[in-house]
Amino acid sequence: MSDDHRWLVLRLEAPLIAFGGVTIDAMGVTRDFPAASMLTGLFANALGWDREQVDAHQSLQDRLIFGARREREHPYGVLTDNQNVHLSNSERGWTTWGKPEQRGGGNLGIHRRFRDYHVDASVTVVARLEPADQEPTLDALAHALDQPARPLFLGRKPCLPTCPIFQGEVTAPTAYVALARLSAPDAAGKPLRALWPAHEGPTDGDAVSRVTAIPDLRNWRTGLHGGTRLVVEGRITSGGKGIS
């Protein structure tokens, strides 16, 4: 079809995966599907970009179009990790910006936080870029995922993938159709939970569970939340035409 697009097919699979969410206080939640900001960071890490390249990150996120499908559901749901640390006044901790940070002198040295993870998760993602002719191209992303500049992780650094992330390509007019064209060996013909942008598939009917705005965009210039996207959560039955 002349209106078909190229989609990269990614497999996000690991013993533990965190897709992120809106963190309040010490509660680090995880969504059921990857966030746009998370995938942007994954691609940027594979390309070897630094955090300071904020315009490149922002442009990549703005161009990214993707859908996701959960290949299996864990019977026990989300695992919550309880993390505790006791720091004396003289101790320092490393930060995400690469420099140790000294404590401010407070007497309360015990810090406690909670982080959620999906257990034994496997999620298929189809992704493309619009416009397609700007840098980085889909070919550049595919090459970077095959030969990443740095070790890749799925949401948080302990979440190491158990299989190659890049799985090939599929052609389809929309993210919904792209996901439906991929085989699902674990599904045994059953519909699988999925997510796609509202303009990339049906917004009503039997396949749709809900249409919602999710706050998964990051303002890479400020490091703060950057807005919402309108997405559809529903179910997809695989047609199994495979990956090219």
C-alpha atoms as a PDB file:
ATOM      1  CA  MET A   1       0.000   0.000   0.000  1.00  0.00           C
ATOM      2  CA  SER A   2       1.250   3.465  -0.876  1.00  0.00           C
ATOM      3  CA  ASP A   3       0.239   4.847   2.519  1.00  0.00           C
ATOM      4  CA  ASP A   4       2.186   2.228   4.472  1.00  0.00           C
ATOM      5  CA  HIS A   5       4.939   3.414   6.806  1.00  0.00           C
ATOM      6  CA  ARG A   6       8.102   1.691   7.975  1.00  0.00           C
ATOM      7  CA  TRP A   7       7.959   0.756  11.647  1.00  0.00           C
ATOM      8  CA  LEU A   8      10.828  -0.473  13.779  1.00  0.00           C
ATOM      9  CA  VAL A   9       9.831  -3.465  15.894  1.00  0.00           C
ATOM     10  CA  LEU A  10      11.264  -3.494  19.420  1.00  0.00           C
ATOM     11  CA  ARG A  11      11.024  -6.182  22.079  1.00  0.00           C
ATOM     12  CA  LEU A  12      11.233  -4.843  25.650  1.00  0.00           C
ATOM     13  CA  GLU A  13      11.765  -7.950  27.752  1.00  0.00           C
ATOM     14  CA  ALA A  14      13.461  -8.305  31.131  1.00  0.00           C
ATOM     15  CA  PRO A  15      13.026  -9.850  34.597  1.00  0.00           C
ATOM     16  CA  LEU A  16      12.120  -6.349  35.814  1.00  0.00           C
ATOM     17  CA  ILE A  17      10.918  -3.382  33.747  1.00  0.00           C
ATOM     18  CA  ALA A  18       9.834   0.116  34.793  1.00  0.00           C
ATOM     19  CA  PHE A  19       7.925   2.267  32.318  1.00  0.00           C
ATOM     20  CA  GLY A  20       7.743   5.314  34.552  1.00  0.00           C
ATOM     21  CA  GLY A  21       4.893   7.511  35.630  1.00  0.00           C
ATOM     22  CA  VAL A  22       4.185  10.639  37.635  1.00  0.00           C
ATOM     23  CA  THR A  23       6.267  10.259  40.803  1.00  0.00           C
ATOM     24  CA  ILE A  24       4.778  11.805  43.943  1.00  0.00           C
ATOM     25  CA  ASP A  25       7.007  12.069  47.015  1.00  0.00           C
ATOM     26  CA  ALA A  26       8.824   8.735  47.388  1.00  0.00           C
ATOM     27  CA  MET A  27       6.375   6.661  45.334  1.00  0.00           C
ATOM     28  CA  GLY A  28       7.874   5.687  41.987  1.00  0.00           C
ATOM     29  CA  VAL A  29       5.039   4.111  40.016  1.00  0.00           C
ATOM     30  CA  THR A  30       5.145   2.410  36.630  1.00  0.00           C
ATOM     31  CA  ARG A  31       2.677   2.549  33.782  1.00  0.00           C
ATOM     32  CA  ASP A  32       1.573  -0.550  31.906  1.00  0.00           C
ATOM     33  CA  PHE A  33       3.098   0.721  28.656  1.00  0.00           C
ATOM     34  CA  PRO A  34       6.305   2.604  27.768  1.00  0.00           C
ATOM     35  CA  ALA A  35       6.276   6.395  28.023  1.00  0.00           C
ATOM     36  CA  ALA A  36       7.255   8.599  25.098  1.00  0.00           C
ATOM     37  CA  SER A  37       9.970  10.162  27.254  1.00  0.00           C
ATOM     38  CA  MET A  38      11.328   6.720  28.213  1.00  0.00           C
ATOM     39  CA  LEU A  39      11.624   5.578  24.594  1.00  0.00           C
ATOM     40  CA  THR A  40      13.253   8.889  23.694  1.00  0.00           C
ATOM     41  CA  GLY A  41      15.832   8.309  26.418  1.00  0.00           C
ATOM     42  CA  LEU A  42      16.383   4.710  25.284  1.00  0.00           C
ATOM     43  CA  PHE A  43      17.073   5.800  21.705  1.00  0.00           C
ATOM     44  CA  ALA A  44      19.280   8.676  22.859  1.00  0.00           C
ATOM     45  CA  ASN A  45      21.320   6.347  25.062  1.00  0.00           C
ATOM     46  CA  ALA A  46      21.797   3.922  22.171  1.00  0.00           C
ATOM     47  CA  LEU A  47      22.939   6.821  19.972  1.00  0.00           C
ATOM     48  CA  GLY A  48      25.432   7.933  22.616  1.00  0.00           C
ATOM     49  CA  TRP A  49      23.863  11.324  23.257  1.00  0.00           C
ATOM     50  CA  ASP A  50      24.591  13.269  26.429  1.00  0.00           C
ATOM     51  CA  ARG A  51      21.969  14.817  28.714  1.00  0.00           C
ATOM     52  CA  GLU A  52      23.127  18.268  27.654  1.00  0.00           C
ATOM     53  CA  GLN A  53      21.883  17.665  24.077  1.00  0.00           C
ATOM     54  CA  VAL A  54      18.426  18.859  25.055  1.00  0.00           C
ATOM     55  CA  ASP A  55      17.385  20.142  21.628  1.00  0.00           C
ATOM     56  CA  ALA A  56      18.211  16.791  20.021  1.00  0.00           C
ATOM     57  CA  HIS A  57      16.224  14.939  22.695  1.00  0.00           C
ATOM     58  CA  GLN A  58      13.262  17.291  22.300  1.00  0.00           C
ATOM     59  CA  SER A  59      13.236  16.966  18.519  1.00  0.00           C
ATOM     60  CA  LEU A  60      13.389  13.164  18.725  1.00  0.00           C
ATOM     61  CA  GLN A  61      10.494  13.004  21.186  1.00  0.00           C
ATOM     62  CA  ASP A  62       8.430  15.391  19.039  1.00  0.00           C
ATOM     63  CA  ARG A  63       8.940  13.143  15.981  1.00  0.00           C
ATOM     64  CA  LEU A  64       8.302   9.827  17.738  1.00  0.00           C
ATOM     65  CA  ILE A  65       5.114   7.881  16.954  1.00  0.00           C
ATOM     66  CA  PHE A  66       4.677   4.464  18.546  1.00  0.00           C
ATOM     67  CA  GLY A  67       2.305   1.786  19.718  1.00  0.00           C
ATOM     68  CA  ALA A  68       2.862  -0.977  22.264  1.00  0.00           C
ATOM     69  CA  ARG A  69       1.452  -4.435  22.973  1.00  0.00           C
ATOM     70  CA  ARG A  70       1.818  -6.500  26.147  1.00  0.00           C
ATOM     71  CA  GLU A  71       2.811 -10.039  25.204  1.00  0.00           C
ATOM     72  CA  ARG A  72       2.071 -11.512  28.619  1.00  0.00           C
ATOM     73  CA  GLU A  73       0.571 -10.514  31.965  1.00  0.00           C
ATOM     74  CA  HIS A  74       2.144 -11.544  35.269  1.00  0.00           C
ATOM     75  CA  PRO A  75      -0.415 -13.150  37.603  1.00  0.00           C
ATOM     76  CA  TYR A  76       0.892 -11.243  40.642  1.00  0.00           C
ATOM     77  CA  GLY A  77       0.872  -7.822  39.031  1.00  0.00           C
ATOM     78  CA  VAL A  78       3.392  -5.122  39.933  1.00  0.00           C
ATOM     79  CA  LEU A  79       6.344  -5.688  42.270  1.00  0.00           C
ATOM     80  CA  THR A  80       7.060  -2.839  44.712  1.00  0.00           C
ATOM     81  CA  ASP A  81      10.691  -2.504  45.791  1.00  0.00           C
ATOM     82  CA  ASN A  82      11.182  -0.886  49.220  1.00  0.00           C
ATOM     83  CA  GLN A  83      14.512   0.983  49.199  1.00  0.00           C
ATOM     84  CA  ASN A  84      16.103   2.279  52.415  1.00  0.00           C
ATOM     85  CA  VAL A  85      19.350   4.065  53.161  1.00  0.00           C
ATOM     86  CA  HIS A  86      20.859   5.596  56.285  1.00  0.00           C
ATOM     87  CA  LEU A  87      23.315   8.432  55.672  1.00  0.00           C
ATOM     88  CA  SER A  88      25.407  10.242  58.237  1.00  0.00           C
ATOM     89  CA  ASN A  89      25.925  13.993  57.985  1.00  0.00           C
ATOM     90  CA  SER A  90      29.342  13.549  56.374  1.00  0.00           C
ATOM     91  CA  GLU A  91      28.334  11.068  53.664  1.00  0.00           C
ATOM     92  CA  ARG A  92      27.777  11.934  50.034  1.00  0.00           C
ATOM     93  CA  GLY A  93      25.686  10.393  47.269  1.00  0.00           C
ATOM     94  CA  TRP A  94      26.047  10.270  43.504  1.00  0.00           C
ATOM     95  CA  THR A  95      23.532  12.132  41.389  1.00  0.00           C
ATOM     96  CA  THR A  96      22.133  11.671  37.891  1.00  0.00           C
ATOM     97  CA  TRP A  97      24.243  14.612  36.706  1.00  0.00           C
ATOM     98  CA  GLY A  98      27.474  12.782  37.558  1.00  0.00           C
ATOM     99  CA  LYS A  99      28.658  14.656  40.643  1.00  0.00           C
ATOM    100  CA  PRO A 100      28.534  13.669  44.321  1.00  0.00           C
ATOM    101  CA  GLU A 101      26.144  15.682  46.478  1.00  0.00           C
ATOM    102  CA  GLN A 102      26.898  16.562  50.103  1.00  0.00           C
ATOM    103  CA  ARG A 103      24.151  16.392  52.710  1.00  0.00           C
ATOM    104  CA  GLY A 104      22.845  19.702  53.974  1.00  0.00           C
ATOM    105  CA  GLY A 105      23.354  18.916  57.653  1.00  0.00           C
ATOM    106  CA  GLY A 106      19.884  17.727  58.661  1.00  0.00           C
ATOM    107  CA  ASN A 107      19.591  15.271  61.536  1.00  0.00           C
ATOM    108  CA  LEU A 108      17.204  12.868  59.774  1.00  0.00           C
ATOM    109  CA  GLY A 109      19.530  10.461  57.978  1.00  0.00           C
ATOM    110  CA  ILE A 110      17.091   7.697  57.039  1.00  0.00           C
ATOM    111  CA  HIS A 111      15.628   7.862  53.541  1.00  0.00           C
ATOM    112  CA  ARG A 112      12.914   5.507  52.331  1.00  0.00           C
ATOM    113  CA  ARG A 113      11.317   5.202  48.916  1.00  0.00           C
ATOM    114  CA  PHE A 114       9.265   2.771  46.853  1.00  0.00           C
ATOM    115  CA  ARG A 115       9.762   1.781  43.213  1.00  0.00           C
ATOM    116  CA  ASP A 116       7.332  -0.296  41.145  1.00  0.00           C
ATOM    117  CA  TYR A 117       8.374  -2.829  38.498  1.00  0.00           C
ATOM    118  CA  HIS A 118       6.697  -5.168  36.040  1.00  0.00           C
ATOM    119  CA  VAL A 119       7.914  -8.739  36.613  1.00  0.00           C
ATOM    120  CA  ASP A 120       8.926 -11.042  33.741  1.00  0.00           C
ATOM    121  CA  ALA A 121       7.502  -8.510  31.323  1.00  0.00           C
ATOM    122  CA  SER A 122       7.516  -8.671  27.544  1.00  0.00           C
ATOM    123  CA  VAL A 123       6.225  -5.747  25.506  1.00  0.00           C
ATOM    124  CA  THR A 124       6.371  -5.259  21.747  1.00  0.00           C
ATOM    125  CA  VAL A 125       6.758  -1.701  20.452  1.00  0.00           C
ATOM    126  CA  VAL A 126       6.371  -0.418  16.897  1.00  0.00           C
ATOM    127  CA  ALA A 127       7.938   2.991  16.298  1.00  0.00           C
ATOM    128  CA  ARG A 128       8.461   5.439  13.464  1.00  0.00           C
ATOM    129  CA  LEU A 129       9.564   9.050  13.080  1.00  0.00           C
ATOM    130  CA  GLU A 130       7.693  11.927  11.460  1.00  0.00           C
ATOM    131  CA  PRO A 131       9.158  13.637   9.467  1.00  0.00           C
ATOM    132  CA  ALA A 132      11.047  10.516   8.363  1.00  0.00           C
ATOM    133  CA  ASP A 133      13.821  12.278   6.428  1.00  0.00           C
ATOM    134  CA  GLN A 134      15.379  14.170   9.345  1.00  0.00           C
ATOM    135  CA  GLU A 135      18.292  12.978  11.465  1.00  0.00           C
ATOM    136  CA  PRO A 136      18.363  10.611  13.193  1.00  0.00           C
ATOM    137  CA  THR A 137      16.600   8.380  10.680  1.00  0.00           C
ATOM    138  CA  LEU A 138      14.936   5.034  11.377  1.00  0.00           C
ATOM    139  CA  ASP A 139      18.004   3.329   9.922  1.00  0.00           C
ATOM    140  CA  ALA A 140      20.211   5.215  12.387  1.00  0.00           C
ATOM    141  CA  LEU A 141      17.998   4.152  15.302  1.00  0.00           C
ATOM    142  CA  ALA A 142      18.014   0.519  14.159  1.00  0.00           C
ATOM    143  CA  HIS A 143      21.811   0.531  13.875  1.00  0.00           C
ATOM    144  CA  ALA A 144      22.167   2.166  17.292  1.00  0.00           C
ATOM    145  CA  LEU A 145      19.924  -0.434  18.940  1.00  0.00           C
ATOM    146  CA  ASP A 146      21.949  -3.224  17.304  1.00  0.00           C
ATOM    147  CA  GLN A 147      25.279  -1.661  18.302  1.00  0.00           C
ATOM    148  CA  PRO A 148      24.509   0.778  21.130  1.00  0.00           C
ATOM    149  CA  ALA A 149      27.049   3.349  22.226  1.00  0.00           C
ATOM    150  CA  ARG A 150      26.337   2.454  25.876  1.00  0.00           C
ATOM    151  CA  PRO A 151      24.662  -0.403  27.764  1.00  0.00           C
ATOM    152  CA  LEU A 152      20.878  -0.136  27.456  1.00  0.00           C
ATOM    153  CA  PHE A 153      18.305  -0.536  30.210  1.00  0.00           C
ATOM    154  CA  LEU A 154      14.508  -0.529  30.259  1.00  0.00           C
ATOM    155  CA  GLY A 155      13.351   2.354  32.423  1.00  0.00           C
ATOM    156  CA  ARG A 156      15.774   2.027  35.338  1.00  0.00           C
ATOM    157  CA  LYS A 157      19.407   0.948  35.320  1.00  0.00           C
ATOM    158  CA  PRO A 158      18.822  -2.451  37.026  1.00  0.00           C
ATOM    159  CA  CYS A 159      16.341  -3.384  34.261  1.00  0.00           C
ATOM    160  CA  LEU A 160      18.632  -5.090  31.759  1.00  0.00           C
ATOM    161  CA  PRO A 161      17.076  -6.570  28.600  1.00  0.00           C
ATOM    162  CA  THR A 162      17.239 -10.334  28.155  1.00  0.00           C
ATOM    163  CA  CYS A 163      17.045 -10.290  24.348  1.00  0.00           C
ATOM    164  CA  PRO A 164      18.045  -7.928  21.521  1.00  0.00           C
ATOM    165  CA  ILE A 165      15.763  -4.895  21.566  1.00  0.00           C
ATOM    166  CA  PHE A 166      15.662  -4.395  17.795  1.00  0.00           C
ATOM    167  CA  GLN A 167      13.656  -7.199  16.180  1.00  0.00           C
ATOM    168  CA  GLY A 168      13.236  -5.983  12.592  1.00  0.00           C
ATOM    169  CA  GLU A 169      10.672  -3.931  10.684  1.00  0.00           C
ATOM    170  CA  VAL A 170       7.042  -4.070   9.622  1.00  0.00           C
ATOM    171  CA  THR A 171       5.105  -1.920   7.149  1.00  0.00           C
ATOM    172  CA  ALA A 172       1.627  -0.675   7.984  1.00  0.00           C
ATOM    173  CA  PRO A 173      -0.501   2.478   7.646  1.00  0.00           C
ATOM    174  CA  THR A 174      -1.012   2.898  11.418  1.00  0.00           C
ATOM    175  CA  ALA A 175       0.482   1.780  14.721  1.00  0.00           C
ATOM    176  CA  TYR A 176      -2.628  -0.318  15.407  1.00  0.00           C
ATOM    177  CA  VAL A 177      -2.304  -2.222  12.131  1.00  0.00           C
ATOM    178  CA  ALA A 178       1.455  -2.599  12.613  1.00  0.00           C
ATOM    179  CA  LEU A 179       0.908  -4.293  15.974  1.00  0.00           C
ATOM    180  CA  ALA A 180      -1.841  -6.491  14.531  1.00  0.00           C
ATOM    181  CA  ARG A 181       0.472  -7.677  11.755  1.00  0.00           C
ATOM    182  CA  LEU A 182       3.025  -9.049  14.225  1.00  0.00           C
ATOM    183  CA  SER A 183       2.791 -12.638  15.382  1.00  0.00           C
ATOM    184  CA  ALA A 184       2.127 -13.318  19.070  1.00  0.00           C
ATOM    185  CA  PRO A 185       3.346 -16.837  19.950  1.00  0.00           C
ATOM    186  CA  ASP A 186       2.367 -16.549  23.630  1.00  0.00           C
ATOM    187  CA  ALA A 187      -1.188 -15.361  22.966  1.00  0.00           C
ATOM    188  CA  ALA A 188      -2.740 -18.524  21.487  1.00  0.00           C
ATOM    189  CA  GLY A 189      -5.134 -16.386  19.454  1.00  0.00           C
ATOM    190  CA  LYS A 190      -6.313 -14.307  22.410  1.00  0.00           C
ATOM    191  CA  PRO A 191      -6.531 -10.493  22.211  1.00  0.00           C
ATOM    192  CA  LEU A 192      -3.613  -8.705  23.856  1.00  0.00           C
ATOM    193  CA  ARG A 193      -3.676  -5.417  25.744  1.00  0.00           C
ATOM    194  CA  ALA A 194      -2.252  -2.597  23.675  1.00  0.00           C
ATOM    195  CA  LEU A 195      -1.826   1.165  23.429  1.00  0.00           C
ATOM    196  CA  TRP A 196      -1.711   3.382  20.346  1.00  0.00           C
ATOM    197  CA  PRO A 197      -2.016   7.138  19.617  1.00  0.00           C
ATOM    198  CA  ALA A 198      -5.579   8.327  19.036  1.00  0.00           C
ATOM    199  CA  HIS A 199      -4.785   9.177  15.395  1.00  0.00           C
ATOM    200  CA  GLU A 200      -3.101   5.795  14.791  1.00  0.00           C
ATOM    201  CA  GLY A 201      -6.011   3.381  15.122  1.00  0.00           C
ATOM    202  CA  PRO A 202      -9.650   3.024  16.188  1.00  0.00           C
ATOM    203  CA  THR A 203     -11.061   5.266  18.917  1.00  0.00           C
ATOM    204  CA  ASP A 204     -14.311   3.371  19.457  1.00  0.00           C
ATOM    205  CA  GLY A 205     -15.708  -0.108  18.997  1.00  0.00           C
ATOM    206  CA  ASP A 206     -15.029  -3.501  20.540  1.00  0.00           C
ATOM    207  CA  ALA A 207     -11.230  -3.137  20.357  1.00  0.00           C
ATOM    208  CA  VAL A 208     -11.212   0.022  22.501  1.00  0.00           C
ATOM    209  CA  SER A 209     -11.181   0.005  26.302  1.00  0.00           C
ATOM    210  CA  ARG A 210     -10.731   3.739  26.835  1.00  0.00           C
ATOM    211  CA  VAL A 211      -9.372   6.932  25.298  1.00  0.00           C
ATOM    212  CA  THR A 212      -7.270   8.940  27.721  1.00  0.00           C
ATOM    213  CA  ALA A 213      -4.658  11.696  27.949  1.00  0.00           C
ATOM    214  CA  ILE A 214      -1.439  10.451  29.535  1.00  0.00           C
ATOM    215  CA  PRO A 215       1.297  12.763  30.905  1.00  0.00           C
ATOM    216  CA  ASP A 216       4.267  10.913  29.396  1.00  0.00           C
ATOM    217  CA  LEU A 217       5.995  13.809  27.631  1.00  0.00           C
ATOM    218  CA  ARG A 218       9.116  15.466  28.995  1.00  0.00           C
ATOM    219  CA  ASN A 219      10.291  19.011  28.441  1.00  0.00           C
ATOM    220  CA  TRP A 220      13.931  18.142  27.823  1.00  0.00           C
ATOM    221  CA  ARG A 221      15.041  21.767  28.111  1.00  0.00           C
ATOM    222  CA  THR A 222      13.713  22.162  31.663  1.00  0.00           C
ATOM    223  CA  GLY A 223      13.723  18.534  32.814  1.00  0.00           C
ATOM    224  CA  LEU A 224      10.059  18.820  33.860  1.00  0.00           C
ATOM    225  CA  HIS A 225       6.833  17.250  32.646  1.00  0.00           C
ATOM    226  CA  GLY A 226       6.061  18.473  29.152  1.00  0.00           C
ATOM    227  CA  GLY A 227       2.385  17.748  28.605  1.00  0.00           C
ATOM    228  CA  THR A 228       0.025  14.952  27.650  1.00  0.00           C
ATOM    229  CA  ARG A 229      -0.801  12.782  24.630  1.00  0.00           C
ATOM    230  CA  LEU A 230      -4.196  11.425  23.654  1.00  0.00           C
ATOM    231  CA  VAL A 231      -3.912   7.643  23.420  1.00  0.00           C
ATOM    232  CA  VAL A 232      -6.183   4.629  23.133  1.00  0.00           C
ATOM    233  CA  GLU A 233      -5.949   1.600  25.393  1.00  0.00           C
ATOM    234  CA  GLY A 234      -7.551  -1.512  24.003  1.00  0.00           C
ATOM    235  CA  ARG A 235      -6.911  -5.007  22.705  1.00  0.00           C
ATOM    236  CA  ILE A 236      -5.374  -6.356  19.523  1.00  0.00           C
ATOM    237  CA  THR A 237      -5.614  -9.808  17.985  1.00  0.00           C
ATOM    238  CA  SER A 238      -2.500 -10.685  16.020  1.00  0.00           C
ATOM    239  CA  GLY A 239      -2.755 -11.381  12.316  1.00  0.00           C
ATOM    240  CA  GLY A 240       0.708 -12.919  12.404  1.00  0.00           C
ATOM    241  CA  LYS A 241       2.134 -11.684   9.093  1.00  0.00           C
ATOM    242  CA  GLY A 242       5.554 -11.390  10.660  1.00  0.00           C
ATOM    243  CA  ILE A 243       8.578  -9.118  10.628  1.00  0.00           C
ATOM    244  CA  SER A 244      10.667  -8.188   7.612  1.00  0.00           C
END
